Amino acid sequence: MSISFEDRVAIVTGAGAGLGRSHAKFLANLGAKVVVNDLGGNVAGEGGSSKAADEVVKEIADAGGVAVANYDSVTSEEGGQSIVKTALDNFGKVDILVNNAGTIRDKSFTKLDLKDFTALMDVHLMGSVFCTKAAWPLMMESQYGRVVMTTSSAGLFGSHGHTNYSSAKLSLVGLMNALKQEGTKKNVLVNAVAPMALTRMTEEFMSPKLAPKMKPEYVSAMIALFCAEECKLAGEIVECGMGYYSKVEIVEAEGAFLGNGDVPTPDEIGANWKAISDMTGARPYKNANAIIKGVFDKMKARGLVPEK
């Protein structure tokens, strides 16, 4: 496989710095025409300037690539539509959407103002929803599209003082899992990355020993694979950074049937917790219906469901 994005049009949100800047330049270097979206605010999403996006566009142009800037916020439906319109007005189509825009407002849940909770949901979740909703019909009609969500280990596994960020990031996994059901048959494929990289959002907490190894380009390489025409993956989550790439899955244990046809007591559930939580035979499911079918099949195998 020799990946090229010649004749492909990509949108990268939050592309004025950090991961987004790296993604935009990486895709452009491989031939994509790129919409560099960035509001130009600080890490909390406050303020705004065209400078960040303009500088990345210049870097891409200086390297022989093609890019245009967009300064809309992803936090409104109108913003998402305008970002996609920028791609259509300049390049005539949208093939790739990298939902990267994000902010942080860290505090313990006790001290957290709920406005700061909503603000992060607006950027991470709704920003991805608004941009994807604007691009989705175009991709479905052309029967081609690649969408990447940016989740996080903080969402997948939790992180102290990040209730707003963690909640927003895990919600993107649900969005991805639902969209893959609709898009895959039309060759519109949705995946997610959980980056480990040194950016404005992480530099304050980063170990000095790890920082030099955490180049955003390690993540951008994974983004490029997910965005390639040759890639047929959908619904995948990959933790990536520092040259490390690892698939993350949501799996369900083999489980246990209790009560012998009657509702079990809480005591019975507690007494069988070891069997309930045994992950030896754990496996992923393609969708929610597959879980129900799987449970039903187990019941039939145990004679818990009449044959007729």
C-alpha atoms as a PDB file:
ATOM      1  CA  MET A   1       0.000   0.000   0.000  1.00  0.00           C
ATOM      2  CA  SER A   2       1.329   3.418  -0.974  1.00  0.00           C
ATOM      3  CA  ILE A   3      -1.086   5.965   0.433  1.00  0.00           C
ATOM      4  CA  SER A   4      -1.782   9.113  -1.533  1.00  0.00           C
ATOM      5  CA  PHE A   5      -4.482  11.750  -1.116  1.00  0.00           C
ATOM      6  CA  GLU A   6      -4.220  13.253  -4.591  1.00  0.00           C
ATOM      7  CA  ASP A   7      -7.644  14.604  -5.624  1.00  0.00           C
ATOM      8  CA  ARG A   8      -8.947  14.172  -2.081  1.00  0.00           C
ATOM      9  CA  VAL A   9     -10.326  17.030   0.023  1.00  0.00           C
ATOM     10  CA  ALA A  10      -9.856  16.965   3.791  1.00  0.00           C
ATOM     11  CA  ILE A  11     -11.220  19.091   6.619  1.00  0.00           C
ATOM     12  CA  VAL A  12      -9.272  19.182   9.864  1.00  0.00           C
ATOM     13  CA  THR A  13     -10.898  21.027  12.754  1.00  0.00           C
ATOM     14  CA  GLY A  14      -8.799  22.687  15.433  1.00  0.00           C
ATOM     15  CA  ALA A  15      -5.895  22.647  12.991  1.00  0.00           C
ATOM     16  CA  GLY A  16      -4.152  25.838  14.057  1.00  0.00           C
ATOM     17  CA  ALA A  17      -1.826  24.151  16.556  1.00  0.00           C
ATOM     18  CA  GLY A  18      -0.812  20.841  18.084  1.00  0.00           C
ATOM     19  CA  LEU A  19      -2.359  17.669  16.738  1.00  0.00           C
ATOM     20  CA  GLY A  20      -4.618  19.408  14.245  1.00  0.00           C
ATOM     21  CA  ARG A  21      -1.742  21.344  12.710  1.00  0.00           C
ATOM     22  CA  SER A  22       0.214  18.100  12.397  1.00  0.00           C
ATOM     23  CA  HIS A  23      -2.743  16.259  10.820  1.00  0.00           C
ATOM     24  CA  ALA A  24      -3.367  19.031   8.287  1.00  0.00           C
ATOM     25  CA  LYS A  25       0.284  19.189   7.224  1.00  0.00           C
ATOM     26  CA  PHE A  26       0.608  15.389   7.126  1.00  0.00           C
ATOM     27  CA  LEU A  27      -2.426  14.977   4.846  1.00  0.00           C
ATOM     28  CA  ALA A  28      -1.349  17.899   2.649  1.00  0.00           C
ATOM     29  CA  ASN A  29       2.122  16.413   2.312  1.00  0.00           C
ATOM     30  CA  LEU A  30       0.473  13.281   0.921  1.00  0.00           C
ATOM     31  CA  GLY A  31      -1.458  15.302  -1.648  1.00  0.00           C
ATOM     32  CA  ALA A  32      -4.733  16.267   0.025  1.00  0.00           C
ATOM     33  CA  LYS A  33      -6.324  19.669  -0.403  1.00  0.00           C
ATOM     34  CA  VAL A  34      -6.982  20.762   3.170  1.00  0.00           C
ATOM     35  CA  VAL A  35      -9.410  23.072   4.939  1.00  0.00           C
ATOM     36  CA  VAL A  36      -7.532  24.271   8.014  1.00  0.00           C
ATOM     37  CA  ASN A  37     -10.204  25.153  10.567  1.00  0.00           C
ATOM     38  CA  ASP A  38      -9.303  26.981  13.754  1.00  0.00           C
ATOM     39  CA  LEU A  39     -11.084  29.570  15.866  1.00  0.00           C
ATOM     40  CA  GLY A  40      -7.733  30.815  17.140  1.00  0.00           C
ATOM     41  CA  GLY A  41      -8.644  30.767  20.836  1.00  0.00           C
ATOM     42  CA  ASN A  42      -6.721  29.572  23.868  1.00  0.00           C
ATOM     43  CA  VAL A  43      -6.824  26.035  25.285  1.00  0.00           C
ATOM     44  CA  ALA A  44     -10.069  26.876  27.097  1.00  0.00           C
ATOM     45  CA  GLY A  45     -11.656  27.966  23.814  1.00  0.00           C
ATOM     46  CA  GLU A  46     -11.660  31.639  24.766  1.00  0.00           C
ATOM     47  CA  GLY A  47     -10.755  34.447  22.384  1.00  0.00           C
ATOM     48  CA  GLY A  48     -10.204  34.134  18.681  1.00  0.00           C
ATOM     49  CA  SER A  49      -7.822  35.048  15.885  1.00  0.00           C
ATOM     50  CA  SER A  50      -7.277  34.163  12.238  1.00  0.00           C
ATOM     51  CA  LYS A  51      -3.526  33.983  12.801  1.00  0.00           C
ATOM     52  CA  ALA A  52      -3.306  30.307  13.816  1.00  0.00           C
ATOM     53  CA  ALA A  53      -5.125  28.905  10.789  1.00  0.00           C
ATOM     54  CA  ASP A  54      -3.422  31.351   8.405  1.00  0.00           C
ATOM     55  CA  GLU A  55       0.032  30.301   9.568  1.00  0.00           C
ATOM     56  CA  VAL A  56      -0.706  26.616   8.979  1.00  0.00           C
ATOM     57  CA  VAL A  57      -2.090  27.376   5.512  1.00  0.00           C
ATOM     58  CA  LYS A  58       1.128  29.256   4.744  1.00  0.00           C
ATOM     59  CA  GLU A  59       3.268  26.373   5.996  1.00  0.00           C
ATOM     60  CA  ILE A  60       1.378  23.989   3.729  1.00  0.00           C
ATOM     61  CA  ALA A  61       1.636  26.325   0.735  1.00  0.00           C
ATOM     62  CA  ASP A  62       5.351  26.905   1.332  1.00  0.00           C
ATOM     63  CA  ALA A  63       5.844  23.142   1.223  1.00  0.00           C
ATOM     64  CA  GLY A  64       4.043  22.935  -2.123  1.00  0.00           C
ATOM     65  CA  GLY A  65       0.644  21.883  -0.811  1.00  0.00           C
ATOM     66  CA  VAL A  66      -2.845  23.319  -1.151  1.00  0.00           C
ATOM     67  CA  ALA A  67      -4.903  24.602   1.777  1.00  0.00           C
ATOM     68  CA  VAL A  68      -7.433  27.245   2.758  1.00  0.00           C
ATOM     69  CA  ALA A  69      -8.292  28.630   6.168  1.00  0.00           C
ATOM     70  CA  ASN A  70     -11.598  28.656   8.005  1.00  0.00           C
ATOM     71  CA  TYR A  71     -12.139  30.465  11.306  1.00  0.00           C
ATOM     72  CA  ASP A  72     -15.598  29.240  12.352  1.00  0.00           C
ATOM     73  CA  SER A  73     -16.329  27.703  15.720  1.00  0.00           C
ATOM     74  CA  VAL A  74     -17.427  24.068  15.613  1.00  0.00           C
ATOM     75  CA  THR A  75     -19.838  24.681  18.500  1.00  0.00           C
ATOM     76  CA  SER A  76     -22.853  25.604  16.368  1.00  0.00           C
ATOM     77  CA  GLU A  77     -24.748  24.011  13.515  1.00  0.00           C
ATOM     78  CA  GLU A  78     -24.052  27.106  11.435  1.00  0.00           C
ATOM     79  CA  GLY A  79     -20.342  26.803  12.180  1.00  0.00           C
ATOM     80  CA  GLY A  80     -20.248  23.183  11.035  1.00  0.00           C
ATOM     81  CA  GLN A  81     -22.106  24.061   7.853  1.00  0.00           C
ATOM     82  CA  SER A  82     -19.774  26.967   7.141  1.00  0.00           C
ATOM     83  CA  ILE A  83     -16.686  24.789   7.581  1.00  0.00           C
ATOM     84  CA  VAL A  84     -18.015  22.278   5.059  1.00  0.00           C
ATOM     85  CA  LYS A  85     -19.091  25.120   2.736  1.00  0.00           C
ATOM     86  CA  THR A  86     -15.501  26.364   2.744  1.00  0.00           C
ATOM     87  CA  ALA A  87     -14.432  22.993   1.346  1.00  0.00           C
ATOM     88  CA  LEU A  88     -17.197  23.009  -1.266  1.00  0.00           C
ATOM     89  CA  ASP A  89     -16.569  26.598  -2.353  1.00  0.00           C
ATOM     90  CA  ASN A  90     -12.830  26.061  -2.765  1.00  0.00           C
ATOM     91  CA  PHE A  91     -12.515  22.420  -3.780  1.00  0.00           C
ATOM     92  CA  GLY A  92     -15.993  21.219  -4.768  1.00  0.00           C
ATOM     93  CA  LYS A  93     -16.328  18.271  -2.393  1.00  0.00           C
ATOM     94  CA  VAL A  94     -15.480  16.719   0.988  1.00  0.00           C
ATOM     95  CA  ASP A  95     -13.800  13.311   1.224  1.00  0.00           C
ATOM     96  CA  ILE A  96     -12.232  13.395   4.682  1.00  0.00           C
ATOM     97  CA  LEU A  97     -13.242  14.916   8.013  1.00  0.00           C
ATOM     98  CA  VAL A  98     -10.921  14.829  11.001  1.00  0.00           C
ATOM     99  CA  ASN A  99     -12.831  15.952  14.105  1.00  0.00           C
ATOM    100  CA  ASN A 100      -9.930  17.218  16.174  1.00  0.00           C
ATOM    101  CA  ALA A 101     -11.086  20.514  17.719  1.00  0.00           C
ATOM    102  CA  GLY A 102     -11.039  20.466  21.504  1.00  0.00           C
ATOM    103  CA  THR A 103     -10.557  22.470  24.657  1.00  0.00           C
ATOM    104  CA  ILE A 104      -9.808  21.766  28.323  1.00  0.00           C
ATOM    105  CA  ARG A 105     -11.123  23.292  31.543  1.00  0.00           C
ATOM    106  CA  ASP A 106      -9.791  21.102  34.333  1.00  0.00           C
ATOM    107  CA  LYS A 107     -11.208  21.060  37.854  1.00  0.00           C
ATOM    108  CA  SER A 108     -12.399  18.454  40.310  1.00  0.00           C
ATOM    109  CA  PHE A 109     -16.111  17.711  39.985  1.00  0.00           C
ATOM    110  CA  THR A 110     -16.791  19.377  43.340  1.00  0.00           C
ATOM    111  CA  LYS A 111     -15.298  22.660  42.132  1.00  0.00           C
ATOM    112  CA  LEU A 112     -16.384  22.435  38.499  1.00  0.00           C
ATOM    113  CA  ASP A 113     -18.801  25.064  37.213  1.00  0.00           C
ATOM    114  CA  LEU A 114     -21.365  23.224  35.084  1.00  0.00           C
ATOM    115  CA  LYS A 115     -20.940  25.890  32.420  1.00  0.00           C
ATOM    116  CA  ASP A 116     -17.449  24.470  31.948  1.00  0.00           C
ATOM    117  CA  PHE A 117     -18.927  20.996  31.657  1.00  0.00           C
ATOM    118  CA  THR A 118     -21.336  22.132  28.946  1.00  0.00           C
ATOM    119  CA  ALA A 119     -18.603  24.089  27.170  1.00  0.00           C
ATOM    120  CA  LEU A 120     -16.512  20.955  26.648  1.00  0.00           C
ATOM    121  CA  MET A 121     -19.495  18.911  25.488  1.00  0.00           C
ATOM    122  CA  ASP A 122     -20.218  21.709  23.002  1.00  0.00           C
ATOM    123  CA  VAL A 123     -16.722  21.537  21.512  1.00  0.00           C
ATOM    124  CA  HIS A 124     -15.787  17.858  21.634  1.00  0.00           C
ATOM    125  CA  LEU A 125     -19.139  16.131  21.149  1.00  0.00           C
ATOM    126  CA  MET A 126     -21.403  18.684  19.492  1.00  0.00           C
ATOM    127  CA  GLY A 127     -18.530  20.102  17.453  1.00  0.00           C
ATOM    128  CA  SER A 128     -18.005  16.640  15.976  1.00  0.00           C
ATOM    129  CA  VAL A 129     -21.753  16.207  15.511  1.00  0.00           C
ATOM    130  CA  PHE A 130     -22.218  19.550  13.730  1.00  0.00           C
ATOM    131  CA  CYS A 131     -19.294  19.072  11.357  1.00  0.00           C
ATOM    132  CA  THR A 132     -20.115  15.436  10.625  1.00  0.00           C
ATOM    133  CA  LYS A 133     -23.807  16.236  10.098  1.00  0.00           C
ATOM    134  CA  ALA A 134     -22.860  18.857   7.500  1.00  0.00           C
ATOM    135  CA  ALA A 135     -20.462  16.550   5.638  1.00  0.00           C
ATOM    136  CA  TRP A 136     -22.353  13.257   6.040  1.00  0.00           C
ATOM    137  CA  PRO A 137     -25.040  13.683   3.316  1.00  0.00           C
ATOM    138  CA  LEU A 138     -22.361  14.641   0.784  1.00  0.00           C
ATOM    139  CA  MET A 139     -20.288  11.589   1.638  1.00  0.00           C
ATOM    140  CA  MET A 140     -23.284   9.267   1.591  1.00  0.00           C
ATOM    141  CA  GLU A 141     -24.392  10.597  -1.792  1.00  0.00           C
ATOM    142  CA  SER A 142     -20.934  10.166  -3.315  1.00  0.00           C
ATOM    143  CA  GLN A 143     -20.561   6.800  -1.559  1.00  0.00           C
ATOM    144  CA  TYR A 144     -17.161   7.769  -0.255  1.00  0.00           C
ATOM    145  CA  GLY A 145     -15.987   9.273   3.004  1.00  0.00           C
ATOM    146  CA  ARG A 146     -13.545   8.921   5.844  1.00  0.00           C
ATOM    147  CA  VAL A 147     -14.358  10.394   9.273  1.00  0.00           C
ATOM    148  CA  VAL A 148     -12.054  10.278  12.293  1.00  0.00           C
ATOM    149  CA  MET A 149     -13.148  11.086  15.855  1.00  0.00           C
ATOM    150  CA  THR A 150     -10.639  12.112  18.511  1.00  0.00           C
ATOM    151  CA  THR A 151     -11.347  10.307  21.768  1.00  0.00           C
ATOM    152  CA  SER A 152      -8.901  10.033  24.684  1.00  0.00           C
ATOM    153  CA  SER A 153      -7.588   7.627  27.292  1.00  0.00           C
ATOM    154  CA  ALA A 154      -9.205  10.033  29.783  1.00  0.00           C
ATOM    155  CA  GLY A 155     -12.563   9.115  28.280  1.00  0.00           C
ATOM    156  CA  LEU A 156     -11.824   5.444  27.732  1.00  0.00           C
ATOM    157  CA  PHE A 157     -10.388   4.817  31.191  1.00  0.00           C
ATOM    158  CA  GLY A 158     -11.014   7.940  33.298  1.00  0.00           C
ATOM    159  CA  SER A 159      -8.802  10.698  34.654  1.00  0.00           C
ATOM    160  CA  HIS A 160      -8.940  12.612  37.929  1.00  0.00           C
ATOM    161  CA  GLY A 161     -10.168  16.184  37.540  1.00  0.00           C
ATOM    162  CA  HIS A 162     -11.421  15.631  33.993  1.00  0.00           C
ATOM    163  CA  THR A 163     -15.117  14.781  34.392  1.00  0.00           C
ATOM    164  CA  ASN A 164     -16.120  17.187  31.623  1.00  0.00           C
ATOM    165  CA  TYR A 165     -13.313  16.190  29.262  1.00  0.00           C
ATOM    166  CA  SER A 166     -13.653  12.456  29.961  1.00  0.00           C
ATOM    167  CA  SER A 167     -17.422  12.511  29.455  1.00  0.00           C
ATOM    168  CA  ALA A 168     -17.117  14.381  26.171  1.00  0.00           C
ATOM    169  CA  LYS A 169     -14.373  12.129  24.851  1.00  0.00           C
ATOM    170  CA  LEU A 170     -16.153   8.860  25.626  1.00  0.00           C
ATOM    171  CA  SER A 171     -19.362  10.151  24.046  1.00  0.00           C
ATOM    172  CA  LEU A 172     -17.487  10.292  20.740  1.00  0.00           C
ATOM    173  CA  VAL A 173     -17.068   6.515  20.861  1.00  0.00           C
ATOM    174  CA  GLY A 174     -20.858   6.154  20.992  1.00  0.00           C
ATOM    175  CA  LEU A 175     -21.197   8.558  18.078  1.00  0.00           C
ATOM    176  CA  MET A 176     -18.638   6.586  16.070  1.00  0.00           C
ATOM    177  CA  ASN A 177     -20.250   3.236  16.849  1.00  0.00           C
ATOM    178  CA  ALA A 178     -23.662   4.448  15.686  1.00  0.00           C
ATOM    179  CA  LEU A 179     -22.371   6.151  12.533  1.00  0.00           C
ATOM    180  CA  LYS A 180     -20.416   3.082  11.445  1.00  0.00           C
ATOM    181  CA  GLN A 181     -23.735   1.198  11.249  1.00  0.00           C
ATOM    182  CA  GLU A 182     -25.094   3.752   8.786  1.00  0.00           C
ATOM    183  CA  GLY A 183     -22.012   4.596   6.780  1.00  0.00           C
ATOM    184  CA  THR A 184     -20.112   1.384   6.138  1.00  0.00           C
ATOM    185  CA  LYS A 185     -22.378   0.057   3.364  1.00  0.00           C
ATOM    186  CA  LYS A 186     -21.913   3.366   1.535  1.00  0.00           C
ATOM    187  CA  ASN A 187     -18.116   3.306   1.961  1.00  0.00           C
ATOM    188  CA  VAL A 188     -18.296   6.101   4.529  1.00  0.00           C
ATOM    189  CA  LEU A 189     -16.041   4.779   7.255  1.00  0.00           C
ATOM    190  CA  VAL A 190     -15.748   6.159  10.783  1.00  0.00           C
ATOM    191  CA  ASN A 191     -12.922   5.420  13.232  1.00  0.00           C
ATOM    192  CA  ALA A 192     -11.352   7.000  16.309  1.00  0.00           C
ATOM    193  CA  VAL A 193      -7.912   7.756  17.702  1.00  0.00           C
ATOM    194  CA  ALA A 194      -6.907   8.223  21.327  1.00  0.00           C
ATOM    195  CA  PRO A 195      -3.760  10.346  21.006  1.00  0.00           C
ATOM    196  CA  MET A 196      -0.713  10.526  23.229  1.00  0.00           C
ATOM    197  CA  ALA A 197       1.099  13.684  22.141  1.00  0.00           C
ATOM    198  CA  LEU A 198       2.704  16.882  23.365  1.00  0.00           C
ATOM    199  CA  THR A 199       0.368  19.794  22.638  1.00  0.00           C
ATOM    200  CA  ARG A 200      -0.748  23.049  24.283  1.00  0.00           C
ATOM    201  CA  MET A 201      -3.397  21.003  26.108  1.00  0.00           C
ATOM    202  CA  THR A 202      -0.959  18.447  27.542  1.00  0.00           C
ATOM    203  CA  GLU A 203       2.369  20.243  27.999  1.00  0.00           C
ATOM    204  CA  GLU A 204       1.542  21.335  31.569  1.00  0.00           C
ATOM    205  CA  PHE A 205       1.114  17.729  32.713  1.00  0.00           C
ATOM    206  CA  MET A 206       3.707  16.032  30.541  1.00  0.00           C
ATOM    207  CA  SER A 207       6.756  14.339  31.996  1.00  0.00           C
ATOM    208  CA  PRO A 208       9.951  16.016  30.745  1.00  0.00           C
ATOM    209  CA  LYS A 209      11.300  12.551  29.927  1.00  0.00           C
ATOM    210  CA  LEU A 210       8.354  11.694  27.699  1.00  0.00           C
ATOM    211  CA  ALA A 211       7.801  15.073  26.054  1.00  0.00           C
ATOM    212  CA  PRO A 212      10.560  14.776  23.401  1.00  0.00           C
ATOM    213  CA  LYS A 213       9.147  11.419  22.282  1.00  0.00           C
ATOM    214  CA  MET A 214       5.547  12.592  21.975  1.00  0.00           C
ATOM    215  CA  LYS A 215       5.567  14.188  18.544  1.00  0.00           C
ATOM    216  CA  PRO A 216       2.051  14.751  17.138  1.00  0.00           C
ATOM    217  CA  GLU A 217       3.189  13.213  13.841  1.00  0.00           C
ATOM    218  CA  TYR A 218       3.024   9.759  15.428  1.00  0.00           C
ATOM    219  CA  VAL A 219      -0.730  10.289  15.740  1.00  0.00           C
ATOM    220  CA  SER A 220      -1.048  11.923  12.326  1.00  0.00           C
ATOM    221  CA  ALA A 221       0.342   8.783  10.691  1.00  0.00           C
ATOM    222  CA  MET A 222      -2.545   6.791  12.200  1.00  0.00           C
ATOM    223  CA  ILE A 223      -4.998   9.453  11.037  1.00  0.00           C
ATOM    224  CA  ALA A 224      -3.599   9.145   7.514  1.00  0.00           C
ATOM    225  CA  LEU A 225      -4.173   5.391   7.490  1.00  0.00           C
ATOM    226  CA  PHE A 226      -7.772   5.763   8.676  1.00  0.00           C
ATOM    227  CA  CYS A 227      -8.361   8.417   5.995  1.00  0.00           C
ATOM    228  CA  ALA A 228      -6.881   6.409   3.124  1.00  0.00           C
ATOM    229  CA  GLU A 229      -9.033   4.995   0.349  1.00  0.00           C
ATOM    230  CA  GLU A 230      -7.234   1.680   0.777  1.00  0.00           C
ATOM    231  CA  CYS A 231      -8.266   1.437   4.431  1.00  0.00           C
ATOM    232  CA  LYS A 232     -11.529  -0.458   4.936  1.00  0.00           C
ATOM    233  CA  LEU A 233     -11.599  -0.344   8.741  1.00  0.00           C
ATOM    234  CA  ALA A 234     -14.664   1.005  10.545  1.00  0.00           C
ATOM    235  CA  GLY A 235     -15.511   1.390  14.221  1.00  0.00           C
ATOM    236  CA  GLU A 236     -11.916   0.994  15.369  1.00  0.00           C
ATOM    237  CA  ILE A 237     -10.358   2.804  18.322  1.00  0.00           C
ATOM    238  CA  VAL A 238      -6.572   3.060  18.359  1.00  0.00           C
ATOM    239  CA  GLU A 239      -4.450   4.418  21.194  1.00  0.00           C
ATOM    240  CA  CYS A 240      -1.445   5.973  19.513  1.00  0.00           C
ATOM    241  CA  GLY A 241       1.678   7.980  20.232  1.00  0.00           C
ATOM    242  CA  MET A 242       5.455   7.684  20.683  1.00  0.00           C
ATOM    243  CA  GLY A 243       5.518   4.954  18.013  1.00  0.00           C
ATOM    244  CA  TYR A 244       3.011   2.884  20.010  1.00  0.00           C
ATOM    245  CA  TYR A 245      -0.256   1.764  18.382  1.00  0.00           C
ATOM    246  CA  SER A 246      -2.822  -0.381  20.180  1.00  0.00           C
ATOM    247  CA  LYS A 247      -6.415  -1.278  19.406  1.00  0.00           C
ATOM    248  CA  VAL A 248      -8.923  -0.577  22.187  1.00  0.00           C
ATOM    249  CA  GLU A 249     -12.182  -2.534  22.357  1.00  0.00           C
ATOM    250  CA  ILE A 250     -15.345  -2.536  24.421  1.00  0.00           C
ATOM    251  CA  VAL A 251     -15.952  -6.174  25.263  1.00  0.00           C
ATOM    252  CA  GLU A 252     -18.530  -8.156  27.220  1.00  0.00           C
ATOM    253  CA  ALA A 253     -17.807 -11.118  29.468  1.00  0.00           C
ATOM    254  CA  GLU A 254     -19.315 -14.545  28.915  1.00  0.00           C
ATOM    255  CA  GLY A 255     -21.612 -13.773  31.834  1.00  0.00           C
ATOM    256  CA  ALA A 256     -23.793 -16.014  33.969  1.00  0.00           C
ATOM    257  CA  PHE A 257     -27.495 -16.921  34.020  1.00  0.00           C
ATOM    258  CA  LEU A 258     -29.033 -16.699  37.481  1.00  0.00           C
ATOM    259  CA  GLY A 259     -32.393 -17.336  39.079  1.00  0.00           C
ATOM    260  CA  ASN A 260     -33.335 -20.501  37.153  1.00  0.00           C
ATOM    261  CA  GLY A 261     -36.109 -18.663  35.324  1.00  0.00           C
ATOM    262  CA  ASP A 262     -37.013 -16.380  38.229  1.00  0.00           C
ATOM    263  CA  VAL A 263     -35.652 -12.953  39.139  1.00  0.00           C
ATOM    264  CA  PRO A 264     -32.511 -13.546  41.229  1.00  0.00           C
ATOM    265  CA  THR A 265     -32.043 -11.882  44.591  1.00  0.00           C
ATOM    266  CA  PRO A 266     -29.339  -9.230  44.978  1.00  0.00           C
ATOM    267  CA  ASP A 267     -27.573 -11.685  47.303  1.00  0.00           C
ATOM    268  CA  GLU A 268     -27.507 -14.304  44.535  1.00  0.00           C
ATOM    269  CA  ILE A 269     -26.049 -11.785  42.086  1.00  0.00           C
ATOM    270  CA  GLY A 270     -23.388 -10.838  44.611  1.00  0.00           C
ATOM    271  CA  ALA A 271     -22.551 -14.455  45.340  1.00  0.00           C
ATOM    272  CA  ASN A 272     -21.976 -15.074  41.632  1.00  0.00           C
ATOM    273  CA  TRP A 273     -19.952 -11.937  40.967  1.00  0.00           C
ATOM    274  CA  LYS A 274     -16.812 -13.947  40.141  1.00  0.00           C
ATOM    275  CA  ALA A 275     -18.614 -15.711  37.276  1.00  0.00           C
ATOM    276  CA  ILE A 276     -20.334 -12.509  36.135  1.00  0.00           C
ATOM    277  CA  SER A 277     -17.044 -10.617  35.958  1.00  0.00           C
ATOM    278  CA  ASP A 278     -14.850 -13.366  34.514  1.00  0.00           C
ATOM    279  CA  MET A 279     -13.375 -11.792  31.366  1.00  0.00           C
ATOM    280  CA  THR A 280     -11.737 -15.010  30.108  1.00  0.00           C
ATOM    281  CA  GLY A 281     -14.226 -15.409  27.270  1.00  0.00           C
ATOM    282  CA  ALA A 282     -14.887 -11.703  26.745  1.00  0.00           C
ATOM    283  CA  ARG A 283     -15.530 -10.541  23.198  1.00  0.00           C
ATOM    284  CA  PRO A 284     -16.676  -7.462  21.292  1.00  0.00           C
ATOM    285  CA  TYR A 285     -20.004  -7.152  19.497  1.00  0.00           C
ATOM    286  CA  LYS A 286     -20.648  -5.519  16.128  1.00  0.00           C
ATOM    287  CA  ASN A 287     -23.765  -3.731  17.362  1.00  0.00           C
ATOM    288  CA  ALA A 288     -26.385  -3.707  20.112  1.00  0.00           C
ATOM    289  CA  ASN A 289     -28.616  -6.232  18.337  1.00  0.00           C
ATOM    290  CA  ALA A 290     -25.751  -8.707  18.245  1.00  0.00           C
ATOM    291  CA  ILE A 291     -25.561  -8.598  22.050  1.00  0.00           C
ATOM    292  CA  ILE A 292     -29.255  -9.478  22.383  1.00  0.00           C
ATOM    293  CA  LYS A 293     -28.897 -12.275  19.856  1.00  0.00           C
ATOM    294  CA  GLY A 294     -25.807 -13.543  21.664  1.00  0.00           C
ATOM    295  CA  VAL A 295     -27.634 -13.704  24.992  1.00  0.00           C
ATOM    296  CA  PHE A 296     -30.613 -15.413  23.356  1.00  0.00           C
ATOM    297  CA  ASP A 297     -28.320 -18.011  21.749  1.00  0.00           C
ATOM    298  CA  LYS A 298     -26.725 -18.730  25.136  1.00  0.00           C
ATOM    299  CA  MET A 299     -30.165 -19.191  26.652  1.00  0.00           C
ATOM    300  CA  LYS A 300     -31.147 -21.651  23.918  1.00  0.00           C
ATOM    301  CA  ALA A 301     -27.936 -23.616  24.432  1.00  0.00           C
ATOM    302  CA  ARG A 302     -28.783 -23.939  28.121  1.00  0.00           C
ATOM    303  CA  GLY A 303     -32.370 -24.978  27.469  1.00  0.00           C
ATOM    304  CA  LEU A 304     -33.714 -21.752  28.961  1.00  0.00           C
ATOM    305  CA  VAL A 305     -35.802 -20.980  25.868  1.00  0.00           C
ATOM    306  CA  PRO A 306     -38.457 -23.325  24.456  1.00  0.00           C
ATOM    307  CA  GLU A 307     -37.590 -24.705  21.011  1.00  0.00           C
ATOM    308  CA  LYS A 308     -40.938 -23.510  19.629  1.00  0.00           C
END
